[in-house]
C-alpha atoms as a PDB file:
ATOM      1  CA  ILE A   1     131.250 119.225 101.714  1.00  0.00           C
ATOM      2  CA  ILE A   2     128.431 116.897 102.309  1.00  0.00           C
ATOM      3  CA  LEU A   3     125.943 118.886 104.558  1.00  0.00           C
ATOM      4  CA  TRP A   4     126.771 121.828 102.794  1.00  0.00           C
ATOM      5  CA  GLU A   5     125.789 119.653  99.312  1.00  0.00           C
ATOM      6  CA  ASP A   6     122.274 118.108 101.559  1.00  0.00           C
ATOM      7  CA  SER A   7     121.216 122.047 102.194  1.00  0.00           C
ATOM      8  CA  MET A   8     121.739 122.577  98.716  1.00  0.00           C
ATOM      9  CA  ASN A   9     119.533 119.395  97.219  1.00  0.00           C
ATOM     10  CA  MET A  10     116.606 120.088 100.349  1.00  0.00           C
ATOM     11  CA  LEU A  11     116.879 123.970  98.943  1.00  0.00           C
ATOM     12  CA  LYS A  12     116.308 123.176  95.249  1.00  0.00           C
ATOM     13  CA  LEU A  13     113.637 120.941  96.180  1.00  0.00           C
ATOM     14  CA  MET A  14     112.028 123.394  98.189  1.00  0.00           C
ATOM     15  CA  ILE A  15     112.371 125.676  95.506  1.00  0.00           C
ATOM     16  CA  LEU A  16     111.119 123.285  92.816  1.00  0.00           C
ATOM     17  CA  PHE A  17     107.942 122.316  94.986  1.00  0.00           C
ATOM     18  CA  LEU A  18     107.191 126.884  95.482  1.00  0.00           C
ATOM     19  CA  PHE A  19     107.017 126.638  91.319  1.00  0.00           C
ATOM     20  CA  ILE A  20     105.096 123.633  90.640  1.00  0.00           C
ATOM     21  CA  ILE A  21     102.251 125.072  93.103  1.00  0.00           C
ATOM     22  CA  MET A  22     102.230 128.615  92.401  1.00  0.00           C
ATOM     23  CA  SER A  23     101.994 127.071  88.279  1.00  0.00           C
ATOM     24  CA  GLN A  24      99.423 124.755  89.541  1.00  0.00           C
ATOM     25  CA  SER A  25      96.083 125.947  88.826  1.00  0.00           C
ATOM     26  CA  TYR A  26      94.491 122.444  90.511  1.00  0.00           C
ATOM     27  CA  ALA A  27      95.666 121.172  93.668  1.00  0.00           C
ATOM     28  CA  ILE A  28      93.418 118.070  96.007  1.00  0.00           C
ATOM     29  CA  SER A  29      93.758 118.922  99.591  1.00  0.00           C
ATOM     30  CA  ILE A  30      92.591 116.505 101.811  1.00  0.00           C
ATOM     31  CA  THR A  31      92.415 115.496 106.381  1.00  0.00           C
ATOM     32  CA  ALA A  32      94.000 112.661 107.029  1.00  0.00           C
ATOM     33  CA  PRO A  33      93.991 111.606 111.174  1.00  0.00           C
ATOM     34  CA  ALA A  34      97.327 110.624 113.072  1.00  0.00           C
ATOM     35  CA  VAL A  35      98.655 110.159 116.248  1.00  0.00           C
ATOM     36  CA  ALA A  36     100.966 112.282 118.461  1.00  0.00           C
ATOM     37  CA  GLN A  37     102.678 111.401 121.619  1.00  0.00           C
ATOM     38  CA  THR A  38     101.943 114.056 124.694  1.00  0.00           C
ATOM     39  CA  ASP A  39     103.019 114.389 128.074  1.00  0.00           C
ATOM     40  CA  TYR A  40      99.827 113.207 128.321  1.00  0.00           C
ATOM     41  CA  GLY A  41      99.625 110.381 125.768  1.00  0.00           C
ATOM     42  CA  TYR A  42      98.790 109.596 122.664  1.00  0.00           C
ATOM     43  CA  LYS A  43      96.146 111.951 120.748  1.00  0.00           C
ATOM     44  CA  GLY A  44      94.713 111.789 117.880  1.00  0.00           C
ATOM     45  CA  VAL A  45      95.533 114.827 115.717  1.00  0.00           C
ATOM     46  CA  PRO A  46      94.961 115.856 111.701  1.00  0.00           C
ATOM     47  CA  VAL A  47      97.255 116.326 109.162  1.00  0.00           C
ATOM     48  CA  ASN A  48      96.652 117.930 106.076  1.00  0.00           C
ATOM     49  CA  ILE A  49      97.604 117.412 102.654  1.00  0.00           C
ATOM     50  CA  GLU A  50      97.396 118.216  99.214  1.00  0.00           C
ATOM     51  CA  VAL A  51      97.966 116.324  96.364  1.00  0.00           C
ATOM     52  CA  ILE A  52      99.764 117.535  92.914  1.00  0.00           C
ATOM     53  CA  VAL A  53      99.937 115.180  89.923  1.00  0.00           C
ATOM     54  CA  THR A  54     102.205 117.110  86.935  1.00  0.00           C
ATOM     55  CA  LYS A  55     103.710 115.157  83.818  1.00  0.00           C
ATOM     56  CA  GLY A  56     106.672 113.877  84.752  1.00  0.00           C
ATOM     57  CA  ASP A  57     108.563 110.759  84.470  1.00  0.00           C
ATOM     58  CA  GLY A  58     107.400 108.431  87.589  1.00  0.00           C
ATOM     59  CA  HIS A  59     108.381 110.300  90.315  1.00  0.00           C
ATOM     60  CA  VAL A  60     106.892 110.406  94.031  1.00  0.00           C
ATOM     61  CA  PHE A  61     107.741 113.175  95.825  1.00  0.00           C
ATOM     62  CA  MET A  62     107.034 113.945  99.277  1.00  0.00           C
ATOM     63  CA  ASP A  63     107.463 117.203 101.986  1.00  0.00           C
ATOM     64  CA  THR A  64     106.683 117.135 104.813  1.00  0.00           C
ATOM     65  CA  MET A  65     106.606 119.443 108.427  1.00  0.00           C
ATOM     66  CA  PRO A  66     107.580 118.376 111.284  1.00  0.00           C
ATOM     67  CA  LEU A  67     110.159 116.081 109.639  1.00  0.00           C
ATOM     68  CA  THR A  68     109.944 113.687 112.992  1.00  0.00           C
ATOM     69  CA  GLN A  69     108.958 110.288 112.954  1.00  0.00           C
ATOM     70  CA  LEU A  70     106.935 110.891 109.752  1.00  0.00           C
ATOM     71  CA  ASP A  71     107.444 107.528 106.934  1.00  0.00           C
ATOM     72  CA  MET A  72     104.741 107.658 104.792  1.00  0.00           C
ATOM     73  CA  GLN A  73     107.146 107.501 101.767  1.00  0.00           C
ATOM     74  CA  GLY A  74     106.779 103.491 101.296  1.00  0.00           C
ATOM     75  CA  SER A  75     102.627 104.119 101.332  1.00  0.00           C
ATOM     76  CA  ALA A  76     102.384 107.025  99.152  1.00  0.00           C
ATOM     77  CA  ARG A  77     104.470 105.373  96.708  1.00  0.00           C
ATOM     78  CA  ILE A  78     101.958 101.893  96.852  1.00  0.00           C
ATOM     79  CA  ALA A  79      98.388 104.655  97.407  1.00  0.00           C
ATOM     80  CA  SER A  80      99.748 105.945  93.585  1.00  0.00           C
ATOM     81  CA  ARG A  81     100.380 102.673  92.536  1.00  0.00           C
ATOM     82  CA  VAL A  82      96.820 101.844  92.727  1.00  0.00           C
ATOM     83  CA  ALA A  83      95.581 105.519  92.181  1.00  0.00           C
ATOM     84  CA  PHE A  84      96.742 105.667  88.607  1.00  0.00           C
ATOM     85  CA  ASP A  85      95.565 102.379  88.096  1.00  0.00           C
ATOM     86  CA  ILE A  86      92.288 102.990  88.561  1.00  0.00           C
ATOM     87  CA  ALA A  87      92.465 106.430  86.945  1.00  0.00           C
ATOM     88  CA  GLY A  88      93.469 103.810  84.120  1.00  0.00           C
ATOM     89  CA  LYS A  89      96.596 105.943  83.639  1.00  0.00           C
ATOM     90  CA  ASP A  90     100.705 105.417  83.602  1.00  0.00           C
ATOM     91  CA  VAL A  91     102.527 106.492  86.187  1.00  0.00           C
ATOM     92  CA  LYS A  92     104.949 106.740  84.548  1.00  0.00           C
ATOM     93  CA  ASP A  93     103.825 109.913  82.626  1.00  0.00           C
ATOM     94  CA  TYR A  94     103.702 111.841  85.262  1.00  0.00           C
ATOM     95  CA  ASN A  95     105.569 113.176  88.631  1.00  0.00           C
ATOM     96  CA  ILE A  96     102.837 112.744  92.071  1.00  0.00           C
ATOM     97  CA  TYR A  97     104.172 115.884  94.816  1.00  0.00           C
ATOM     98  CA  TYR A  98     102.726 115.382  98.098  1.00  0.00           C
ATOM     99  CA  ILE A  99     102.665 118.256 100.905  1.00  0.00           C
ATOM    100  CA  VAL A 100     102.312 117.206 104.239  1.00  0.00           C
ATOM    101  CA  ARG A 101     101.358 119.313 107.317  1.00  0.00           C
ATOM    102  CA  SER A 102     101.048 118.511 110.788  1.00  0.00           C
ATOM    103  CA  ASP A 103     101.565 121.957 114.195  1.00  0.00           C
ATOM    104  CA  VAL A 104     103.326 118.439 116.216  1.00  0.00           C
ATOM    105  CA  PRO A 105     105.809 115.681 115.492  1.00  0.00           C
ATOM    106  CA  ILE A 106     102.899 112.221 114.844  1.00  0.00           C
ATOM    107  CA  ILE A 107     104.793 109.077 115.276  1.00  0.00           C
ATOM    108  CA  GLY A 108     104.781 107.480 111.489  1.00  0.00           C
ATOM    109  CA  GLY A 109     103.932 104.772 109.767  1.00  0.00           C
ATOM    110  CA  PRO A 110     101.587 103.424 107.226  1.00  0.00           C
ATOM    111  CA  SER A 111      98.292 104.573 107.520  1.00  0.00           C
ATOM    112  CA  ALA A 112      97.694 107.594 105.289  1.00  0.00           C
ATOM    113  CA  GLY A 113      97.756 105.090 102.726  1.00  0.00           C
ATOM    114  CA  ALA A 114      94.645 104.709 101.562  1.00  0.00           C
ATOM    115  CA  THR A 115      93.941 108.405 102.324  1.00  0.00           C
ATOM    116  CA  LEU A 116      96.953 109.384  99.569  1.00  0.00           C
ATOM    117  CA  CYS A 117      95.353 107.149  97.266  1.00  0.00           C
ATOM    118  CA  VAL A 118      91.516 108.492  96.664  1.00  0.00           C
ATOM    119  CA  ALA A 119      93.674 112.286  96.765  1.00  0.00           C
ATOM    120  CA  THR A 120      95.514 111.251  94.360  1.00  0.00           C
ATOM    121  CA  ILE A 121      92.534 109.559  92.505  1.00  0.00           C
ATOM    122  CA  ALA A 122      90.354 112.631  92.473  1.00  0.00           C
ATOM    123  CA  GLU A 123      93.612 115.045  91.704  1.00  0.00           C
ATOM    124  CA  LEU A 124      93.844 113.202  88.158  1.00  0.00           C
ATOM    125  CA  ASN A 125      90.184 113.027  87.510  1.00  0.00           C
ATOM    126  CA  ASN A 126      89.986 116.379  88.341  1.00  0.00           C
ATOM    127  CA  TRP A 127      87.072 115.707  91.422  1.00  0.00           C
ATOM    128  CA  SER A 128      85.758 117.183  94.679  1.00  0.00           C
ATOM    129  CA  LEU A 129      85.910 115.898  98.161  1.00  0.00           C
ATOM    130  CA  ASN A 130      83.506 115.574 100.660  1.00  0.00           C
ATOM    131  CA  LYS A 131      84.742 117.677 103.513  1.00  0.00           C
ATOM    132  CA  ASN A 132      83.172 115.905 106.053  1.00  0.00           C
ATOM    133  CA  VAL A 133      84.624 112.411 105.196  1.00  0.00           C
ATOM    134  CA  MET A 134      87.599 111.408 106.999  1.00  0.00           C
ATOM    135  CA  MET A 135      89.789 108.043 107.196  1.00  0.00           C
ATOM    136  CA  THR A 136      92.584 105.671 108.498  1.00  0.00           C
ATOM    137  CA  GLY A 137      93.860 103.002 106.904  1.00  0.00           C
ATOM    138  CA  MET A 138      96.643 101.443 105.173  1.00  0.00           C
ATOM    139  CA  ILE A 139      96.076 100.701 100.975  1.00  0.00           C
ATOM    140  CA  ASN A 140      97.712  97.318  99.546  1.00  0.00           C
ATOM    141  CA  PRO A 141      98.457  97.060  95.969  1.00  0.00           C
ATOM    142  CA  ASP A 142      95.586  94.899  94.781  1.00  0.00           C
ATOM    143  CA  GLY A 143      93.329  98.026  96.022  1.00  0.00           C
ATOM    144  CA  SER A 144      92.185  96.856  99.998  1.00  0.00           C
ATOM    145  CA  ILE A 145      92.132  98.797 102.560  1.00  0.00           C
ATOM    146  CA  GLY A 146      94.837  97.100 105.968  1.00  0.00           C
ATOM    147  CA  PRO A 147      94.482  97.530 109.008  1.00  0.00           C
ATOM    148  CA  VAL A 148      95.969 100.781 111.513  1.00  0.00           C
ATOM    149  CA  GLY A 149      96.464 101.500 115.272  1.00  0.00           C
ATOM    150  CA  GLY A 150      94.837 104.241 117.286  1.00  0.00           C
ATOM    151  CA  ILE A 151      91.551 104.576 115.962  1.00  0.00           C
ATOM    152  CA  LEU A 152      89.955 105.415 119.174  1.00  0.00           C
ATOM    153  CA  GLU A 153      92.600 108.954 118.566  1.00  0.00           C
ATOM    154  CA  LYS A 154      91.679 109.513 114.789  1.00  0.00           C
ATOM    155  CA  ILE A 155      88.026 109.208 115.479  1.00  0.00           C
ATOM    156  CA  GLU A 156      88.701 111.938 118.485  1.00  0.00           C
ATOM    157  CA  ALA A 157      90.564 114.184 115.482  1.00  0.00           C
ATOM    158  CA  ALA A 158      87.745 113.796 113.137  1.00  0.00           C
ATOM    159  CA  LYS A 159      85.610 114.741 115.627  1.00  0.00           C
ATOM    160  CA  GLU A 160      87.657 117.860 116.425  1.00  0.00           C
ATOM    161  CA  CYS A 161      87.745 118.555 112.462  1.00  0.00           C
ATOM    162  CA  GLY A 162      83.923 118.401 112.547  1.00  0.00           C
ATOM    163  CA  CYS A 163      83.846 115.008 110.254  1.00  0.00           C
ATOM    164  CA  ASP A 164      80.323 113.566 110.066  1.00  0.00           C
ATOM    165  CA  TYR A 165      82.031 110.194 108.585  1.00  0.00           C
ATOM    166  CA  PHE A 166      84.811 108.153 109.663  1.00  0.00           C
ATOM    167  CA  LEU A 167      86.318 104.755 107.711  1.00  0.00           C
ATOM    168  CA  ILE A 168      87.776 102.278 109.100  1.00  0.00           C
ATOM    169  CA  PRO A 169      89.277  99.132 107.843  1.00  0.00           C
ATOM    170  CA  LYS A 170      87.229  96.322 107.482  1.00  0.00           C
ATOM    171  CA  GLY A 171      87.623  93.720 110.839  1.00  0.00           C
ATOM    172  CA  GLU A 172      89.330  96.455 112.991  1.00  0.00           C
ATOM    173  CA  ARG A 173      85.474  97.865 114.920  1.00  0.00           C
ATOM    174  CA  TYR A 174      85.830  96.139 117.595  1.00  0.00           C
ATOM    175  CA  ILE A 175      89.461  97.205 119.855  1.00  0.00           C
ATOM    176  CA  ASN A 176      91.585  95.532 122.832  1.00  0.00           C
ATOM    177  CA  TYR A 177      92.532  99.285 124.322  1.00  0.00           C
ATOM    178  CA  GLY A 178      93.153  99.249 127.496  1.00  0.00           C
ATOM    179  CA  GLY A 179      92.328  95.735 127.850  1.00  0.00           C
ATOM    180  CA  LYS A 180      88.946  96.185 128.013  1.00  0.00           C
ATOM    181  CA  THR A 181      86.811  95.765 124.183  1.00  0.00           C
ATOM    182  CA  ILE A 182      85.762  99.033 122.677  1.00  0.00           C
ATOM    183  CA  ASP A 183      82.961  99.098 119.564  1.00  0.00           C
ATOM    184  CA  ALA A 184      84.840 101.736 117.530  1.00  0.00           C
ATOM    185  CA  VAL A 185      80.882 102.834 115.557  1.00  0.00           C
ATOM    186  CA  GLU A 186      79.413 102.972 119.274  1.00  0.00           C
ATOM    187  CA  PHE A 187      81.969 104.898 120.625  1.00  0.00           C
ATOM    188  CA  GLY A 188      81.754 107.295 117.556  1.00  0.00           C
ATOM    189  CA  LYS A 189      78.226 107.772 118.167  1.00  0.00           C
ATOM    190  CA  LYS A 190      78.446 109.359 121.069  1.00  0.00           C
ATOM    191  CA  LEU A 191      80.774 111.637 119.872  1.00  0.00           C
ATOM    192  CA  GLY A 192      78.402 112.600 117.300  1.00  0.00           C
ATOM    193  CA  ILE A 193      80.134 110.547 114.080  1.00  0.00           C
ATOM    194  CA  GLU A 194      79.039 107.618 111.882  1.00  0.00           C
ATOM    195  CA  VAL A 195      82.637 105.202 111.734  1.00  0.00           C
ATOM    196  CA  ILE A 196      82.143 102.498 108.937  1.00  0.00           C
ATOM    197  CA  GLU A 197      83.581 100.027 108.075  1.00  0.00           C
ATOM    198  CA  VAL A 198      85.491 100.259 104.156  1.00  0.00           C
ATOM    199  CA  GLU A 199      86.983  96.776 103.292  1.00  0.00           C
ATOM    200  CA  SER A 200      88.336  98.810  99.874  1.00  0.00           C
ATOM    201  CA  ILE A 201      89.566 101.740  97.677  1.00  0.00           C
ATOM    202  CA  TYR A 202      86.422 101.635  95.866  1.00  0.00           C
ATOM    203  CA  ASP A 203      84.236 102.084  99.021  1.00  0.00           C
ATOM    204  CA  ALA A 204      86.230 104.558 100.345  1.00  0.00           C
ATOM    205  CA  LEU A 205      86.025 106.704  96.472  1.00  0.00           C
ATOM    206  CA  TYR A 206      81.678 106.329  97.553  1.00  0.00           C
ATOM    207  CA  TYR A 207      82.076 107.724 100.479  1.00  0.00           C
ATOM    208  CA  PHE A 208      84.513 110.682  99.285  1.00  0.00           C
ATOM    209  CA  THR A 209      83.577 111.742  96.105  1.00  0.00           C
ATOM    210  CA  ASN A 210      79.400 110.427  96.211  1.00  0.00           C
END
């Protein structure tokens, strides 16, 4: 009975997401880099995220596929609160829907938090986003961007997506990788990508929205 009820609740949630998507004329799409574990080691992969904001009562919903190794709910809540503070709106008056899609199971964590925050701000303000920019970094309640892992793999994912700019948390330019110190800026330059350190969500917004 419990399993049946869980399945019915999941079905209702999926129907709700479908209804919202069909009824919305505007939604923000953004791509975030993540790290997947493959037979050949860790690999950077793109994750497609869609953000929809509706009138509501302060709920944050997340629909992820695949479901395995994807823990972004806490990061999404912080991202939404920071975004609403910046936009000057009360998060309690809205519902936020994050629809996350990846071709492979990815390693979860808070590294998409800053990306989620940028996308939510853009959705609230009806802003378009530059598609040649990608970012990794956790979002802190004060709007600062915190450190994450897998930066080199994520730069490679940005290259595959055709990005020109890749934003990383301030202080993570030099990375200990396999016992060696690698300069992420120089690493990106060899791939044709400009790697830029950013300290706050305001810094990131500049590159995503001009």
